[in-house]
């Protein structure tokens, strides 16, 4: 089977960088640490010389996050999914983009302490 397609599943884990994200005034002024996992699928043909450079996907996601300065994580996820599909023809898995920022971690920890 010379041109058999293969369904590939790829994960980019813990892509970490600093960016502006959030709705609070402090979040709009100061960068915070952002960590993204991107899980996607694509069809690979072994006889085809085309391939997906995973480092380009990571660079694209990082560039978008830094440039767009999203207010909501939800908006960031939706935008990234659409852009990555359009540019690389990859299918983001359900729950395929996991997102964490230092503000989310801080809020989560604070809520946990207050509820004790």
N, C-alpha and C. Protein backbone atom coordinates (compact mmCIF):
# COMPACT_ATOMS: atom_id res chain seq x y z
N UNK A 1 0.83 -1.18 0.00
CA UNK A 1 0.00 0.00 0.00
C UNK A 1 0.88 1.24 0.00
N UNK A 2 1.30 1.67 -1.17
CA UNK A 2 2.28 2.75 -1.25
C UNK A 2 1.80 4.11 -0.76
N UNK A 3 0.53 4.42 -0.94
CA UNK A 3 0.05 5.75 -0.56
C UNK A 3 -1.01 5.66 0.53
N UNK A 4 -0.83 4.74 1.43
CA UNK A 4 -1.81 4.54 2.50
C UNK A 4 -1.80 5.74 3.45
N UNK A 5 -2.98 6.29 3.75
CA UNK A 5 -3.03 7.40 4.70
C UNK A 5 -2.95 6.88 6.14
N UNK A 6 -2.31 7.64 6.97
CA UNK A 6 -2.19 7.32 8.40
C UNK A 6 -2.82 8.45 9.19
N UNK A 7 -3.68 8.10 10.11
CA UNK A 7 -4.25 9.11 11.00
C UNK A 7 -3.28 9.31 12.15
N UNK A 8 -2.71 10.49 12.20
CA UNK A 8 -1.70 10.80 13.21
C UNK A 8 -2.32 11.62 14.34
N UNK A 9 -1.92 11.31 15.57
CA UNK A 9 -2.33 12.06 16.75
C UNK A 9 -1.06 12.63 17.38
N UNK A 10 -1.07 13.94 17.58
CA UNK A 10 0.12 14.62 18.07
C UNK A 10 -0.26 15.50 19.26
N UNK A 11 0.62 15.57 20.23
CA UNK A 11 0.43 16.46 21.38
C UNK A 11 1.65 17.35 21.55
N UNK A 12 1.41 18.62 21.67
CA UNK A 12 2.45 19.58 22.05
C UNK A 12 2.14 19.93 23.50
N UNK A 13 3.02 19.58 24.40
CA UNK A 13 2.75 19.72 25.84
C UNK A 13 3.54 20.87 26.45
N UNK A 14 2.87 21.59 27.31
CA UNK A 14 3.46 22.63 28.16
C UNK A 14 4.25 23.68 27.39
N UNK A 15 3.64 24.17 26.31
CA UNK A 15 4.20 25.31 25.59
C UNK A 15 4.05 26.51 26.52
N UNK A 16 5.15 27.08 26.95
CA UNK A 16 5.14 28.10 28.00
C UNK A 16 5.75 29.41 27.49
N UNK A 17 5.07 30.51 27.80
CA UNK A 17 5.56 31.83 27.41
C UNK A 17 4.80 32.88 28.22
N UNK A 18 5.18 34.14 28.08
CA UNK A 18 4.50 35.23 28.78
C UNK A 18 3.66 36.01 27.78
N UNK A 19 2.45 36.37 28.22
CA UNK A 19 1.54 37.13 27.37
C UNK A 19 0.55 37.90 28.23
N UNK A 20 -0.10 38.87 27.60
CA UNK A 20 -1.20 39.60 28.24
C UNK A 20 -2.47 38.80 27.98
N UNK A 21 -3.18 38.44 29.05
CA UNK A 21 -4.48 37.77 28.92
C UNK A 21 -5.29 38.02 30.18
N UNK A 22 -6.56 38.31 30.01
CA UNK A 22 -7.43 38.53 31.15
C UNK A 22 -8.24 39.80 31.01
N UNK A 23 -9.21 39.96 31.90
CA UNK A 23 -10.10 41.12 31.85
C UNK A 23 -9.83 42.14 32.96
N UNK A 24 -9.15 41.72 34.00
CA UNK A 24 -8.87 42.64 35.10
C UNK A 24 -7.80 43.66 34.70
N UNK A 25 -7.86 44.87 35.24
CA UNK A 25 -6.88 45.90 34.88
C UNK A 25 -5.43 45.43 35.05
N UNK A 26 -5.13 44.73 36.12
CA UNK A 26 -3.76 44.25 36.34
C UNK A 26 -3.34 43.26 35.26
N UNK A 27 -4.30 42.44 34.79
CA UNK A 27 -4.01 41.46 33.75
C UNK A 27 -3.77 42.12 32.39
N UNK A 28 -4.31 43.31 32.19
CA UNK A 28 -4.15 44.03 30.93
C UNK A 28 -2.82 44.79 30.90
N UNK A 29 -2.19 44.97 32.06
CA UNK A 29 -0.94 45.73 32.13
C UNK A 29 0.29 44.83 32.18
N UNK A 30 0.20 43.73 32.90
CA UNK A 30 1.37 42.89 33.14
C UNK A 30 1.24 41.55 32.43
N UNK A 31 2.34 41.12 31.84
CA UNK A 31 2.33 39.78 31.23
C UNK A 31 2.28 38.74 32.34
N UNK A 32 1.73 37.60 32.00
CA UNK A 32 1.70 36.49 32.94
C UNK A 32 2.11 35.23 32.20
N UNK A 33 2.54 34.27 32.96
CA UNK A 33 2.95 33.00 32.37
C UNK A 33 1.73 32.26 31.84
N UNK A 34 1.82 31.80 30.60
CA UNK A 34 0.76 31.05 29.95
C UNK A 34 1.33 29.69 29.57
N UNK A 35 0.57 28.64 29.81
CA UNK A 35 0.98 27.28 29.45
C UNK A 35 -0.14 26.67 28.62
N UNK A 36 0.21 26.17 27.44
CA UNK A 36 -0.78 25.59 26.53
C UNK A 36 -0.36 24.19 26.14
N UNK A 37 -1.32 23.27 26.14
CA UNK A 37 -1.17 21.95 25.53
C UNK A 37 -2.06 21.96 24.28
N UNK A 38 -1.53 21.50 23.16
CA UNK A 38 -2.30 21.42 21.92
C UNK A 38 -2.30 19.97 21.46
N UNK A 39 -3.49 19.38 21.36
CA UNK A 39 -3.65 17.99 20.92
C UNK A 39 -4.41 18.01 19.60
N UNK A 40 -3.82 17.43 18.56
CA UNK A 40 -4.47 17.49 17.26
C UNK A 40 -4.23 16.21 16.45
N UNK A 41 -4.99 16.11 15.37
CA UNK A 41 -4.89 14.97 14.45
C UNK A 41 -4.75 15.48 13.03
N UNK A 42 -4.11 14.69 12.20
CA UNK A 42 -4.05 15.00 10.77
C UNK A 42 -3.79 13.70 10.01
N UNK A 43 -4.02 13.77 8.71
CA UNK A 43 -3.81 12.60 7.86
C UNK A 43 -2.45 12.74 7.18
N UNK A 44 -1.61 11.73 7.36
CA UNK A 44 -0.26 11.70 6.80
C UNK A 44 -0.19 10.63 5.73
N UNK A 45 0.38 10.98 4.57
CA UNK A 45 0.62 10.02 3.50
C UNK A 45 2.12 9.79 3.42
N UNK A 46 2.54 8.57 3.63
CA UNK A 46 3.97 8.25 3.71
C UNK A 46 4.72 8.59 2.42
N UNK A 47 4.09 8.46 1.28
CA UNK A 47 4.79 8.73 0.01
C UNK A 47 4.81 10.21 -0.34
N UNK A 48 4.08 11.00 0.41
CA UNK A 48 4.02 12.43 0.16
C UNK A 48 5.16 13.10 0.93
N UNK A 49 5.86 14.00 0.29
CA UNK A 49 6.98 14.68 0.96
C UNK A 49 6.52 15.76 1.93
N UNK A 50 5.24 16.07 1.95
CA UNK A 50 4.73 17.09 2.85
C UNK A 50 4.59 16.54 4.26
N UNK A 51 4.92 17.35 5.21
CA UNK A 51 4.76 16.97 6.61
C UNK A 51 4.46 18.23 7.41
N UNK A 52 4.01 18.04 8.62
CA UNK A 52 3.71 19.18 9.49
C UNK A 52 4.89 19.37 10.44
N UNK A 53 5.41 20.57 10.44
CA UNK A 53 6.50 20.94 11.35
C UNK A 53 5.86 21.40 12.66
N UNK A 54 5.95 20.57 13.68
CA UNK A 54 5.28 20.85 14.95
C UNK A 54 5.81 22.12 15.61
N UNK A 55 7.08 22.43 15.37
CA UNK A 55 7.63 23.65 15.95
C UNK A 55 6.95 24.89 15.35
N UNK A 56 6.52 24.81 14.09
CA UNK A 56 5.79 25.93 13.47
C UNK A 56 4.42 26.11 14.11
N UNK A 57 3.77 25.01 14.44
CA UNK A 57 2.47 25.10 15.12
C UNK A 57 2.65 25.77 16.48
N UNK A 58 3.67 25.37 17.21
CA UNK A 58 3.95 25.98 18.52
C UNK A 58 4.26 27.47 18.37
N UNK A 59 5.09 27.82 17.40
CA UNK A 59 5.44 29.24 17.18
C UNK A 59 4.22 30.06 16.79
N UNK A 60 3.36 29.48 15.95
CA UNK A 60 2.14 30.18 15.53
C UNK A 60 1.23 30.43 16.72
N UNK A 61 1.01 29.43 17.55
CA UNK A 61 0.15 29.59 18.74
C UNK A 61 0.72 30.67 19.66
N UNK A 62 1.99 30.63 19.89
CA UNK A 62 2.65 31.61 20.77
C UNK A 62 2.52 33.02 20.19
N UNK A 63 2.75 33.16 18.90
CA UNK A 63 2.68 34.47 18.23
C UNK A 63 1.26 35.03 18.32
N UNK A 64 0.26 34.20 18.07
CA UNK A 64 -1.13 34.63 18.14
C UNK A 64 -1.47 35.11 19.55
N UNK A 65 -1.09 34.33 20.55
CA UNK A 65 -1.41 34.69 21.94
C UNK A 65 -0.77 36.01 22.34
N UNK A 66 0.46 36.23 21.93
CA UNK A 66 1.14 37.46 22.30
C UNK A 66 0.56 38.66 21.56
N UNK A 67 0.21 38.47 20.29
CA UNK A 67 -0.29 39.58 19.49
C UNK A 67 -1.72 39.96 19.84
N UNK A 68 -2.60 38.99 20.03
CA UNK A 68 -4.03 39.25 20.22
C UNK A 68 -4.39 39.73 21.62
N UNK A 69 -3.62 39.37 22.61
CA UNK A 69 -3.88 39.79 23.99
C UNK A 69 -5.35 39.58 24.37
N UNK A 70 -5.79 38.34 24.31
CA UNK A 70 -7.18 37.98 24.56
C UNK A 70 -7.61 38.36 25.98
N UNK A 71 -8.89 38.69 26.10
CA UNK A 71 -9.46 38.96 27.41
C UNK A 71 -9.96 37.67 28.05
N UNK A 72 -10.51 36.76 27.24
CA UNK A 72 -11.05 35.51 27.76
C UNK A 72 -10.28 34.31 27.22
N UNK A 73 -10.01 33.36 28.08
CA UNK A 73 -9.35 32.11 27.67
C UNK A 73 -10.21 31.41 26.61
N UNK A 74 -11.52 31.45 26.79
CA UNK A 74 -12.43 30.79 25.84
C UNK A 74 -12.25 31.36 24.43
N UNK A 75 -12.13 32.69 24.33
CA UNK A 75 -11.91 33.32 23.02
C UNK A 75 -10.57 32.90 22.43
N UNK A 76 -9.57 32.80 23.27
CA UNK A 76 -8.24 32.38 22.81
C UNK A 76 -8.30 30.96 22.23
N UNK A 77 -8.96 30.07 22.92
CA UNK A 77 -9.05 28.67 22.48
C UNK A 77 -9.78 28.59 21.13
N UNK A 78 -10.93 29.25 21.03
CA UNK A 78 -11.70 29.21 19.78
C UNK A 78 -10.89 29.79 18.63
N UNK A 79 -10.23 30.91 18.86
CA UNK A 79 -9.44 31.55 17.81
C UNK A 79 -8.28 30.65 17.37
N UNK A 80 -7.56 30.08 18.35
CA UNK A 80 -6.44 29.20 18.03
C UNK A 80 -6.89 27.99 17.21
N UNK A 81 -8.00 27.37 17.62
CA UNK A 81 -8.49 26.21 16.89
C UNK A 81 -8.76 26.55 15.42
N UNK A 82 -9.43 27.66 15.18
CA UNK A 82 -9.75 28.06 13.80
C UNK A 82 -8.50 28.40 13.00
N UNK A 83 -7.59 29.16 13.58
CA UNK A 83 -6.38 29.56 12.86
C UNK A 83 -5.47 28.37 12.54
N UNK A 84 -5.31 27.47 13.52
CA UNK A 84 -4.44 26.31 13.30
C UNK A 84 -5.03 25.37 12.25
N UNK A 85 -6.35 25.23 12.26
CA UNK A 85 -6.99 24.40 11.23
C UNK A 85 -6.79 25.03 9.85
N UNK A 86 -7.03 26.32 9.76
CA UNK A 86 -6.92 27.01 8.47
C UNK A 86 -5.49 26.98 7.92
N UNK A 87 -4.52 27.19 8.79
CA UNK A 87 -3.12 27.29 8.34
C UNK A 87 -2.47 25.92 8.10
N UNK A 88 -2.79 24.93 8.95
CA UNK A 88 -2.08 23.65 8.88
C UNK A 88 -2.98 22.45 8.53
N UNK A 89 -4.28 22.70 8.40
CA UNK A 89 -5.23 21.63 8.09
C UNK A 89 -5.17 20.51 9.14
N UNK A 90 -5.12 20.92 10.39
CA UNK A 90 -5.12 19.96 11.49
C UNK A 90 -6.45 20.05 12.22
N UNK A 91 -6.86 18.94 12.78
CA UNK A 91 -8.11 18.88 13.51
C UNK A 91 -7.80 18.84 15.00
N UNK A 92 -8.24 19.86 15.69
CA UNK A 92 -8.02 19.92 17.13
C UNK A 92 -9.00 18.95 17.78
N UNK A 93 -8.49 18.07 18.62
CA UNK A 93 -9.32 17.10 19.33
C UNK A 93 -10.28 17.82 20.28
N UNK A 94 -11.42 17.18 20.62
CA UNK A 94 -12.26 17.76 21.67
C UNK A 94 -11.41 17.93 22.94
N UNK A 95 -11.54 19.04 23.57
CA UNK A 95 -10.68 19.41 24.70
C UNK A 95 -9.21 19.39 24.28
N UNK A 96 -8.97 19.73 23.02
CA UNK A 96 -7.64 19.62 22.44
C UNK A 96 -6.68 20.72 22.78
N UNK A 97 -7.18 21.84 23.28
CA UNK A 97 -6.29 22.90 23.72
C UNK A 97 -6.54 23.09 25.22
N UNK A 98 -5.53 22.77 26.00
CA UNK A 98 -5.60 22.98 27.44
C UNK A 98 -4.82 24.24 27.75
N UNK A 99 -5.36 25.07 28.60
CA UNK A 99 -4.82 26.41 28.79
C UNK A 99 -4.71 26.71 30.27
N UNK A 100 -3.58 27.27 30.66
CA UNK A 100 -3.41 27.68 32.05
C UNK A 100 -2.61 28.98 32.07
N UNK A 101 -3.01 29.89 32.92
CA UNK A 101 -2.23 31.11 33.10
C UNK A 101 -1.96 31.28 34.59
N UNK A 102 -0.99 32.10 34.91
CA UNK A 102 -0.65 32.29 36.32
C UNK A 102 -1.82 32.90 37.09
N UNK A 103 -2.64 33.74 36.45
CA UNK A 103 -3.79 34.32 37.14
C UNK A 103 -4.83 33.25 37.45
N UNK A 104 -5.03 32.31 36.54
CA UNK A 104 -5.99 31.23 36.78
C UNK A 104 -5.51 30.38 37.94
N UNK A 105 -4.23 30.08 37.98
CA UNK A 105 -3.67 29.29 39.07
C UNK A 105 -3.84 30.05 40.38
N UNK A 106 -3.53 31.32 40.38
CA UNK A 106 -3.63 32.14 41.59
C UNK A 106 -5.08 32.20 42.07
N UNK A 107 -6.03 32.43 41.16
CA UNK A 107 -7.43 32.50 41.55
C UNK A 107 -7.90 31.16 42.09
N UNK A 108 -7.49 30.09 41.46
CA UNK A 108 -7.91 28.76 41.90
C UNK A 108 -7.39 28.48 43.31
N UNK A 109 -6.14 28.79 43.53
CA UNK A 109 -5.55 28.55 44.85
C UNK A 109 -6.23 29.42 45.91
N UNK A 110 -6.50 30.67 45.57
CA UNK A 110 -7.14 31.59 46.52
C UNK A 110 -8.53 31.11 46.86
N UNK A 111 -9.30 30.68 45.86
CA UNK A 111 -10.64 30.17 46.12
C UNK A 111 -10.59 28.93 47.00
N UNK A 112 -9.62 28.09 46.77
CA UNK A 112 -9.48 26.88 47.58
C UNK A 112 -9.19 27.21 49.04
N UNK A 113 -8.33 28.19 49.28
CA UNK A 113 -7.99 28.58 50.65
C UNK A 113 -9.21 29.20 51.33
N UNK A 114 -9.94 30.06 50.61
CA UNK A 114 -11.11 30.71 51.21
C UNK A 114 -12.23 29.73 51.55
N UNK A 115 -12.26 28.60 50.88
CA UNK A 115 -13.37 27.68 51.11
C UNK A 115 -13.08 26.71 52.26
N UNK A 116 -11.90 26.79 52.86
CA UNK A 116 -11.58 25.88 53.98
C UNK A 116 -12.31 26.27 55.24
